[in-house]
Amino acid sequence: MDSGFHSVYLPMAFEDSATLGAVTRHIETVKADAPWQPNNVDFIQRINGLDSREDVRKAVFDASYMVMGLGDVYLGAPCAVPRKRVLTTHLP
């Protein structure tokens, strides 16, 4: 019997140019003194007590995520929930 659960592997980006550009725009136009500025990765490292930026990358990339389909505004919009949680805040 098929459990309905399947593994899917998706590409992920980490501190890519588009993300870094969004952070720069957020600093310039929204909130320059937010606690996660000027670098989200450093913030995540600090609030999670991780030893290095590489530990942040590993926490994100090595995590297993459960993807659920949610209904509301976007019917069946997927939501990825990591099985091991890393604390973050709103990231631009």
PDB file of N, CA and C in Angstrom:
ATOM      1  N   MET A   1       0.836  -1.173   0.000  1.00  0.00           N
ATOM      2  CA  MET A   1       0.000   0.000   0.000  1.00  0.00           C
ATOM      3  C   MET A   1       0.884   1.240   0.000  1.00  0.00           C
ATOM      4  N   ASP A   2       0.552   2.191  -0.844  1.00  0.00           N
ATOM      5  CA  ASP A   2       1.309   3.447  -0.951  1.00  0.00           C
ATOM      6  C   ASP A   2       0.926   4.371   0.194  1.00  0.00           C
ATOM      7  N   SER A   3       1.928   4.842   0.965  1.00  0.00           N
ATOM      8  CA  SER A   3       1.666   5.724   2.100  1.00  0.00           C
ATOM      9  C   SER A   3       1.276   7.131   1.675  1.00  0.00           C
ATOM     10  N   GLY A   4       1.548   7.482   0.433  1.00  0.00           N
ATOM     11  CA  GLY A   4       1.273   8.831  -0.038  1.00  0.00           C
ATOM     12  C   GLY A   4       2.411   9.798   0.203  1.00  0.00           C
ATOM     13  N   PHE A   5       3.466   9.357   0.878  1.00  0.00           N
ATOM     14  CA  PHE A   5       4.620  10.199   1.155  1.00  0.00           C
ATOM     15  C   PHE A   5       5.741   9.859   0.191  1.00  0.00           C
ATOM     16  N   HIS A   6       6.335  10.870  -0.402  1.00  0.00           N
ATOM     17  CA  HIS A   6       7.403  10.668  -1.374  1.00  0.00           C
ATOM     18  C   HIS A   6       8.499  11.696  -1.128  1.00  0.00           C
ATOM     19  N   SER A   7       9.714  11.335  -1.458  1.00  0.00           N
ATOM     20  CA  SER A   7      10.840  12.276  -1.343  1.00  0.00           C
ATOM     21  C   SER A   7      11.020  13.015  -2.650  1.00  0.00           C
ATOM     22  N   VAL A   8      11.179  14.320  -2.521  1.00  0.00           N
ATOM     23  CA  VAL A   8      11.432  15.183  -3.676  1.00  0.00           C
ATOM     24  C   VAL A   8      12.637  16.039  -3.317  1.00  0.00           C
ATOM     25  N   TYR A   9      13.555  16.193  -4.221  1.00  0.00           N
ATOM     26  CA  TYR A   9      14.753  16.997  -3.975  1.00  0.00           C
ATOM     27  C   TYR A   9      14.681  18.263  -4.811  1.00  0.00           C
ATOM     28  N   LEU A  10      14.768  19.412  -4.135  1.00  0.00           N
ATOM     29  CA  LEU A  10      14.645  20.706  -4.790  1.00  0.00           C
ATOM     30  C   LEU A  10      15.917  21.525  -4.589  1.00  0.00           C
ATOM     31  N   PRO A  11      16.265  22.345  -5.569  1.00  0.00           N
ATOM     32  CA  PRO A  11      17.438  23.214  -5.392  1.00  0.00           C
ATOM     33  C   PRO A  11      17.124  24.332  -4.395  1.00  0.00           C
ATOM     34  N   MET A  12      18.153  24.765  -3.685  1.00  0.00           N
ATOM     35  CA  MET A  12      18.017  25.874  -2.749  1.00  0.00           C
ATOM     36  C   MET A  12      19.189  26.826  -2.963  1.00  0.00           C
ATOM     37  N   ALA A  13      18.960  28.090  -2.656  1.00  0.00           N
ATOM     38  CA  ALA A  13      20.016  29.094  -2.778  1.00  0.00           C
ATOM     39  C   ALA A  13      20.357  29.615  -1.389  1.00  0.00           C
ATOM     40  N   PHE A  14      21.592  30.022  -1.222  1.00  0.00           N
ATOM     41  CA  PHE A  14      22.055  30.523   0.077  1.00  0.00           C
ATOM     42  C   PHE A  14      22.904  31.752  -0.174  1.00  0.00           C
ATOM     43  N   GLU A  15      22.427  32.892   0.286  1.00  0.00           N
ATOM     44  CA  GLU A  15      23.104  34.170   0.078  1.00  0.00           C
ATOM     45  C   GLU A  15      23.419  34.424  -1.394  1.00  0.00           C
ATOM     46  N   ASP A  16      22.441  34.156  -2.245  1.00  0.00           N
ATOM     47  CA  ASP A  16      22.586  34.424  -3.673  1.00  0.00           C
ATOM     48  C   ASP A  16      22.394  35.914  -3.938  1.00  0.00           C
ATOM     49  N   SER A  17      22.694  36.351  -5.134  1.00  0.00           N
ATOM     50  CA  SER A  17      22.648  37.784  -5.450  1.00  0.00           C
ATOM     51  C   SER A  17      21.239  38.367  -5.315  1.00  0.00           C
ATOM     52  N   ALA A  18      20.200  37.611  -5.660  1.00  0.00           N
ATOM     53  CA  ALA A  18      18.831  38.126  -5.543  1.00  0.00           C
ATOM     54  C   ALA A  18      18.458  38.348  -4.072  1.00  0.00           C
ATOM     55  N   THR A  19      18.817  37.411  -3.221  1.00  0.00           N
ATOM     56  CA  THR A  19      18.515  37.548  -1.801  1.00  0.00           C
ATOM     57  C   THR A  19      19.292  38.696  -1.186  1.00  0.00           C
ATOM     58  N   LEU A  20      20.561  38.788  -1.496  1.00  0.00           N
ATOM     59  CA  LEU A  20      21.382  39.873  -0.964  1.00  0.00           C
ATOM     60  C   LEU A  20      20.885  41.227  -1.456  1.00  0.00           C
ATOM     61  N   GLY A  21      20.415  41.284  -2.698  1.00  0.00           N
ATOM     62  CA  GLY A  21      19.835  42.520  -3.221  1.00  0.00           C
ATOM     63  C   GLY A  21      18.565  42.902  -2.473  1.00  0.00           C
ATOM     64  N   ALA A  22      17.728  41.909  -2.138  1.00  0.00           N
ATOM     65  CA  ALA A  22      16.507  42.179  -1.374  1.00  0.00           C
ATOM     66  C   ALA A  22      16.845  42.702   0.017  1.00  0.00           C
ATOM     67  N   VAL A  23      17.876  42.143   0.631  1.00  0.00           N
ATOM     68  CA  VAL A  23      18.301  42.611   1.951  1.00  0.00           C
ATOM     69  C   VAL A  23      18.769  44.064   1.862  1.00  0.00           C
ATOM     70  N   THR A  24      19.539  44.374   0.853  1.00  0.00           N
ATOM     71  CA  THR A  24      20.023  45.752   0.662  1.00  0.00           C
ATOM     72  C   THR A  24      18.852  46.713   0.482  1.00  0.00           C
ATOM     73  N   ARG A  25      17.872  46.326  -0.346  1.00  0.00           N
ATOM     74  CA  ARG A  25      16.695  47.186  -0.548  1.00  0.00           C
ATOM     75  C   ARG A  25      15.908  47.356   0.747  1.00  0.00           C
ATOM     76  N   HIS A  26      15.810  46.284   1.529  1.00  0.00           N
ATOM     77  CA  HIS A  26      15.092  46.350   2.802  1.00  0.00           C
ATOM     78  C   HIS A  26      15.780  47.333   3.751  1.00  0.00           C
ATOM     79  N   ILE A  27      17.108  47.254   3.819  1.00  0.00           N
ATOM     80  CA  ILE A  27      17.877  48.172   4.665  1.00  0.00           C
ATOM     81  C   ILE A  27      17.655  49.615   4.224  1.00  0.00           C
ATOM     82  N   GLU A  28      17.678  49.841   2.908  1.00  0.00           N
ATOM     83  CA  GLU A  28      17.575  51.205   2.370  1.00  0.00           C
ATOM     84  C   GLU A  28      16.170  51.784   2.454  1.00  0.00           C
ATOM     85  N   THR A  29      15.141  50.929   2.379  1.00  0.00           N
ATOM     86  CA  THR A  29      13.785  51.470   2.243  1.00  0.00           C
ATOM     87  C   THR A  29      12.829  51.136   3.383  1.00  0.00           C
ATOM     88  N   VAL A  30      13.165  50.155   4.212  1.00  0.00           N
ATOM     89  CA  VAL A  30      12.205  49.732   5.237  1.00  0.00           C
ATOM     90  C   VAL A  30      12.740  49.940   6.644  1.00  0.00           C
ATOM     91  N   LYS A  31      13.781  49.220   7.001  1.00  0.00           N
ATOM     92  CA  LYS A  31      14.236  49.257   8.397  1.00  0.00           C
ATOM     93  C   LYS A  31      15.719  48.916   8.464  1.00  0.00           C
ATOM     94  N   ALA A  32      16.535  49.932   8.508  1.00  0.00           N
ATOM     95  CA  ALA A  32      17.981  49.726   8.533  1.00  0.00           C
ATOM     96  C   ALA A  32      18.485  49.178   9.864  1.00  0.00           C
ATOM     97  N   ASP A  33      17.738  49.431  10.947  1.00  0.00           N
ATOM     98  CA  ASP A  33      18.232  49.017  12.264  1.00  0.00           C
ATOM     99  C   ASP A  33      17.535  47.764  12.808  1.00  0.00           C
ATOM    100  N   ALA A  34      16.931  46.958  11.928  1.00  0.00           N
ATOM    101  CA  ALA A  34      16.302  45.708  12.362  1.00  0.00           C
ATOM    102  C   ALA A  34      17.364  44.784  12.948  1.00  0.00           C
ATOM    103  N   PRO A  35      17.001  43.952  13.928  1.00  0.00           N
ATOM    104  CA  PRO A  35      18.007  43.106  14.584  1.00  0.00           C
ATOM    105  C   PRO A  35      18.665  42.098  13.650  1.00  0.00           C
ATOM    106  N   TRP A  36      18.031  41.777  12.553  1.00  0.00           N
ATOM    107  CA  TRP A  36      18.611  40.809  11.617  1.00  0.00           C
ATOM    108  C   TRP A  36      19.467  41.480  10.552  1.00  0.00           C
ATOM    109  N   GLN A  37      19.604  42.780  10.614  1.00  0.00           N
ATOM    110  CA  GLN A  37      20.435  43.507   9.647  1.00  0.00           C
ATOM    111  C   GLN A  37      21.833  43.661  10.208  1.00  0.00           C
ATOM    112  N   PRO A  38      22.869  43.734   9.466  1.00  0.00           N
ATOM    113  CA  PRO A  38      22.859  43.781   8.014  1.00  0.00           C
ATOM    114  C   PRO A  38      22.925  42.406   7.361  1.00  0.00           C
ATOM    115  N   ASN A  39      22.981  41.331   8.144  1.00  0.00           N
ATOM    116  CA  ASN A  39      23.138  40.020   7.526  1.00  0.00           C
ATOM    117  C   ASN A  39      22.254  38.992   8.231  1.00  0.00           C
ATOM    118  N   ASN A  40      21.327  38.419   7.479  1.00  0.00           N
ATOM    119  CA  ASN A  40      20.401  37.429   8.036  1.00  0.00           C
ATOM    120  C   ASN A  40      21.116  36.187   8.548  1.00  0.00           C
ATOM    121  N   VAL A  41      22.143  35.746   7.858  1.00  0.00           N
ATOM    122  CA  VAL A  41      22.837  34.517   8.252  1.00  0.00           C
ATOM    123  C   VAL A  41      23.528  34.714   9.605  1.00  0.00           C
ATOM    124  N   ASP A  42      24.168  35.857   9.779  1.00  0.00           N
ATOM    125  CA  ASP A  42      24.803  36.141  11.068  1.00  0.00           C
ATOM    126  C   ASP A  42      23.762  36.188  12.186  1.00  0.00           C
ATOM    127  N   PHE A  43      22.593  36.766  11.897  1.00  0.00           N
ATOM    128  CA  PHE A  43      21.514  36.835  12.879  1.00  0.00           C
ATOM    129  C   PHE A  43      21.036  35.433  13.262  1.00  0.00           C
ATOM    130  N   ILE A  44      20.801  34.592  12.266  1.00  0.00           N
ATOM    131  CA  ILE A  44      20.346  33.225  12.524  1.00  0.00           C
ATOM    132  C   ILE A  44      21.395  32.457  13.321  1.00  0.00           C
ATOM    133  N   GLN A  45      22.652  32.655  12.979  1.00  0.00           N
ATOM    134  CA  GLN A  45      23.739  32.005  13.729  1.00  0.00           C
ATOM    135  C   GLN A  45      23.699  32.427  15.195  1.00  0.00           C
ATOM    136  N   ARG A  46      23.558  33.723  15.417  1.00  0.00           N
ATOM    137  CA  ARG A  46      23.587  34.263  16.777  1.00  0.00           C
ATOM    138  C   ARG A  46      22.400  33.773  17.615  1.00  0.00           C
ATOM    139  N   ILE A  47      21.179  33.873  17.097  1.00  0.00           N
ATOM    140  CA  ILE A  47      20.013  33.534  17.928  1.00  0.00           C
ATOM    141  C   ILE A  47      19.843  32.030  18.132  1.00  0.00           C
ATOM    142  N   ASN A  48      20.507  31.225  17.301  1.00  0.00           N
ATOM    143  CA  ASN A  48      20.432  29.771  17.467  1.00  0.00           C
ATOM    144  C   ASN A  48      21.657  29.204  18.175  1.00  0.00           C
ATOM    145  N   GLY A  49      22.608  30.073  18.528  1.00  0.00           N
ATOM    146  CA  GLY A  49      23.797  29.608  19.233  1.00  0.00           C
ATOM    147  C   GLY A  49      24.671  28.695  18.403  1.00  0.00           C
ATOM    148  N   LEU A  50      24.665  28.894  17.089  1.00  0.00           N
ATOM    149  CA  LEU A  50      25.488  28.069  16.209  1.00  0.00           C
ATOM    150  C   LEU A  50      26.909  28.605  16.174  1.00  0.00           C
ATOM    151  N   ASP A  51      27.869  27.732  15.950  1.00  0.00           N
ATOM    152  CA  ASP A  51      29.278  28.117  16.005  1.00  0.00           C
ATOM    153  C   ASP A  51      29.758  28.870  14.772  1.00  0.00           C
ATOM    154  N   SER A  52      29.108  28.652  13.617  1.00  0.00           N
ATOM    155  CA  SER A  52      29.621  29.275  12.397  1.00  0.00           C
ATOM    156  C   SER A  52      28.506  29.487  11.380  1.00  0.00           C
ATOM    157  N   ARG A  53      28.827  30.285  10.382  1.00  0.00           N
ATOM    158  CA  ARG A  53      27.909  30.496   9.269  1.00  0.00           C
ATOM    159  C   ARG A  53      27.695  29.187   8.512  1.00  0.00           C
ATOM    160  N   GLU A  54      28.718  28.364   8.467  1.00  0.00           N
ATOM    161  CA  GLU A  54      28.599  27.056   7.816  1.00  0.00           C
ATOM    162  C   GLU A  54      27.564  26.187   8.545  1.00  0.00           C
ATOM    163  N   ASP A  55      27.479  26.319   9.865  1.00  0.00           N
ATOM    164  CA  ASP A  55      26.469  25.577  10.622  1.00  0.00           C
ATOM    165  C   ASP A  55      25.058  26.024  10.245  1.00  0.00           C
ATOM    166  N   VAL A  56      24.883  27.305   9.934  1.00  0.00           N
ATOM    167  CA  VAL A  56      23.587  27.806   9.472  1.00  0.00           C
ATOM    168  C   VAL A  56      23.263  27.165   8.122  1.00  0.00           C
ATOM    169  N   ARG A  57      24.208  27.199   7.225  1.00  0.00           N
ATOM    170  CA  ARG A  57      24.005  26.597   5.899  1.00  0.00           C
ATOM    171  C   ARG A  57      23.640  25.124   6.029  1.00  0.00           C
ATOM    172  N   LYS A  58      24.369  24.399   6.860  1.00  0.00           N
ATOM    173  CA  LYS A  58      24.078  22.973   7.048  1.00  0.00           C
ATOM    174  C   LYS A  58      22.687  22.756   7.630  1.00  0.00           C
ATOM    175  N   ALA A  59      22.288  23.606   8.594  1.00  0.00           N
ATOM    176  CA  ALA A  59      20.966  23.464   9.203  1.00  0.00           C
ATOM    177  C   ALA A  59      19.864  23.618   8.164  1.00  0.00           C
ATOM    178  N   VAL A  60      20.058  24.532   7.215  1.00  0.00           N
ATOM    179  CA  VAL A  60      19.057  24.766   6.178  1.00  0.00           C
ATOM    180  C   VAL A  60      19.104  23.677   5.112  1.00  0.00           C
ATOM    181  N   PHE A  61      20.287  23.374   4.606  1.00  0.00           N
ATOM    182  CA  PHE A  61      20.419  22.450   3.480  1.00  0.00           C
ATOM    183  C   PHE A  61      20.309  20.986   3.880  1.00  0.00           C
ATOM    184  N   ASP A  62      20.694  20.641   5.083  1.00  0.00           N
ATOM    185  CA  ASP A  62      20.652  19.241   5.502  1.00  0.00           C
ATOM    186  C   ASP A  62      19.321  18.854   6.132  1.00  0.00           C
ATOM    187  N   ALA A  63      18.446  19.820   6.321  1.00  0.00           N
ATOM    188  CA  ALA A  63      17.155  19.536   6.958  1.00  0.00           C
ATOM    189  C   ALA A  63      16.251  18.743   6.033  1.00  0.00           C
ATOM    190  N   SER A  64      15.409  17.966   6.631  1.00  0.00           N
ATOM    191  CA  SER A  64      14.355  17.265   5.923  1.00  0.00           C
ATOM    192  C   SER A  64      13.081  18.071   6.153  1.00  0.00           C
ATOM    193  N   TYR A  65      12.354  18.369   5.090  1.00  0.00           N
ATOM    194  CA  TYR A  65      11.158  19.196   5.190  1.00  0.00           C
ATOM    195  C   TYR A  65       9.916  18.369   4.865  1.00  0.00           C
ATOM    196  N   MET A  66       8.857  18.608   5.600  1.00  0.00           N
ATOM    197  CA  MET A  66       7.573  18.013   5.279  1.00  0.00           C
ATOM    198  C   MET A  66       6.783  19.093   4.544  1.00  0.00           C
ATOM    199  N   VAL A  67       6.359  18.786   3.327  1.00  0.00           N
ATOM    200  CA  VAL A  67       5.621  19.764   2.522  1.00  0.00           C
ATOM    201  C   VAL A  67       4.147  19.391   2.564  1.00  0.00           C
ATOM    202  N   MET A  68       3.351  20.372   2.951  1.00  0.00           N
ATOM    203  CA  MET A  68       1.910  20.152   3.062  1.00  0.00           C
ATOM    204  C   MET A  68       1.193  21.085   2.098  1.00  0.00           C
ATOM    205  N   GLY A  69       0.121  20.609   1.518  1.00  0.00           N
ATOM    206  CA  GLY A  69      -0.716  21.467   0.696  1.00  0.00           C
ATOM    207  C   GLY A  69      -1.727  22.165   1.581  1.00  0.00           C
ATOM    208  N   LEU A  70      -1.798  23.457   1.480  1.00  0.00           N
ATOM    209  CA  LEU A  70      -2.718  24.237   2.294  1.00  0.00           C
ATOM    210  C   LEU A  70      -3.739  24.912   1.390  1.00  0.00           C
ATOM    211  N   GLY A  71      -4.911  25.083   1.875  1.00  0.00           N
ATOM    212  CA  GLY A  71      -5.911  25.809   1.113  1.00  0.00           C
ATOM    213  C   GLY A  71      -6.228  27.109   1.819  1.00  0.00           C
ATOM    214  N   ASP A  72      -6.654  28.086   1.130  1.00  0.00           N
ATOM    215  CA  ASP A  72      -7.089  29.372   1.644  1.00  0.00           C
ATOM    216  C   ASP A  72      -7.096  30.287   0.449  1.00  0.00           C
ATOM    217  N   VAL A  73      -6.143  31.197   0.397  1.00  0.00           N
ATOM    218  CA  VAL A  73      -6.072  32.103  -0.741  1.00  0.00           C
ATOM    219  C   VAL A  73      -5.607  31.351  -1.988  1.00  0.00           C
ATOM    220  N   TYR A  74      -4.532  30.590  -1.824  1.00  0.00           N
ATOM    221  CA  TYR A  74      -3.992  29.803  -2.930  1.00  0.00           C
ATOM    222  C   TYR A  74      -4.293  28.342  -2.639  1.00  0.00           C
ATOM    223  N   LEU A  75      -5.275  27.782  -3.294  1.00  0.00           N
ATOM    224  CA  LEU A  75      -5.666  26.401  -3.023  1.00  0.00           C
ATOM    225  C   LEU A  75      -4.496  25.463  -3.299  1.00  0.00           C
ATOM    226  N   GLY A  76      -4.182  24.674  -2.305  1.00  0.00           N
ATOM    227  CA  GLY A  76      -3.103  23.708  -2.462  1.00  0.00           C
ATOM    228  C   GLY A  76      -1.717  24.317  -2.443  1.00  0.00           C
ATOM    229  N   ALA A  77      -1.581  25.560  -1.979  1.00  0.00           N
ATOM    230  CA  ALA A  77      -0.261  26.187  -1.922  1.00  0.00           C
ATOM    231  C   ALA A  77       0.623  25.401  -0.951  1.00  0.00           C
ATOM    232  N   PRO A  78       1.812  25.007  -1.376  1.00  0.00           N
ATOM    233  CA  PRO A  78       2.663  24.201  -0.492  1.00  0.00           C
ATOM    234  C   PRO A  78       3.296  25.040   0.621  1.00  0.00           C
ATOM    235  N   CYS A  79       3.488  24.399   1.743  1.00  0.00           N
ATOM    236  CA  CYS A  79       4.167  25.003   2.882  1.00  0.00           C
ATOM    237  C   CYS A  79       5.204  23.991   3.352  1.00  0.00           C
ATOM    238  N   ALA A  80       6.479  24.361   3.348  1.00  0.00           N
ATOM    239  CA  ALA A  80       7.539  23.453   3.759  1.00  0.00           C
ATOM    240  C   ALA A  80       7.855  23.676   5.230  1.00  0.00           C
ATOM    241  N   VAL A  81       7.714  22.637   6.027  1.00  0.00           N
ATOM    242  CA  VAL A  81       7.960  22.713   7.467  1.00  0.00           C
ATOM    243  C   VAL A  81       9.184  21.861   7.780  1.00  0.00           C
ATOM    244  N   PRO A  82      10.263  22.487   8.281  1.00  0.00           N
ATOM    245  CA  PRO A  82      11.452  21.687   8.584  1.00  0.00           C
ATOM    246  C   PRO A  82      11.204  20.781   9.776  1.00  0.00           C
ATOM    247  N   ARG A  83      11.776  19.604   9.727  1.00  0.00           N
ATOM    248  CA  ARG A  83      11.612  18.664  10.835  1.00  0.00           C
ATOM    249  C   ARG A  83      12.516  19.034  11.997  1.00  0.00           C
ATOM    250  N   LYS A  84      13.593  19.764  11.736  1.00  0.00           N
ATOM    251  CA  LYS A  84      14.436  20.315  12.780  1.00  0.00           C
ATOM    252  C   LYS A  84      14.318  21.821  12.659  1.00  0.00           C
ATOM    253  N   ARG A  85      13.875  22.471  13.694  1.00  0.00           N
ATOM    254  CA  ARG A  85      13.603  23.902  13.612  1.00  0.00           C
ATOM    255  C   ARG A  85      14.851  24.740  13.854  1.00  0.00           C
ATOM    256  N   VAL A  86      14.974  25.799  13.070  1.00  0.00           N
ATOM    257  CA  VAL A  86      15.986  26.825  13.268  1.00  0.00           C
ATOM    258  C   VAL A  86      15.213  28.121  13.428  1.00  0.00           C
ATOM    259  N   LEU A  87      15.473  28.845  14.499  1.00  0.00           N
ATOM    260  CA  LEU A  87      14.770  30.101  14.736  1.00  0.00           C
ATOM    261  C   LEU A  87      15.246  31.162  13.762  1.00  0.00           C
ATOM    262  N   THR A  88      14.296  31.882  13.206  1.00  0.00           N
ATOM    263  CA  THR A  88      14.604  33.028  12.356  1.00  0.00           C
ATOM    264  C   THR A  88      13.543  34.081  12.657  1.00  0.00           C
ATOM    265  N   THR A  89      13.632  35.168  11.978  1.00  0.00           N
ATOM    266  CA  THR A  89      12.594  36.177  12.034  1.00  0.00           C
ATOM    267  C   THR A  89      12.170  36.442  10.602  1.00  0.00           C
ATOM    268  N   HIS A  90      11.286  37.388  10.401  1.00  0.00           N
ATOM    269  CA  HIS A  90      10.878  37.751   9.050  1.00  0.00           C
ATOM    270  C   HIS A  90      12.115  38.126   8.263  1.00  0.00           C
ATOM    271  N   LEU A  91      12.349  37.435   7.169  1.00  0.00           N
ATOM    272  CA  LEU A  91      13.501  37.750   6.319  1.00  0.00           C
ATOM    273  C   LEU A  91      12.997  38.431   5.076  1.00  0.00           C
ATOM    274  N   PRO A  92      13.593  39.534   4.689  1.00  0.00           N
ATOM    275  CA  PRO A  92      13.112  40.261   3.503  1.00  0.00           C
ATOM    276  C   PRO A  92      13.317  39.449   2.243  1.00  0.00           C
TER     277      PRO A  92
END
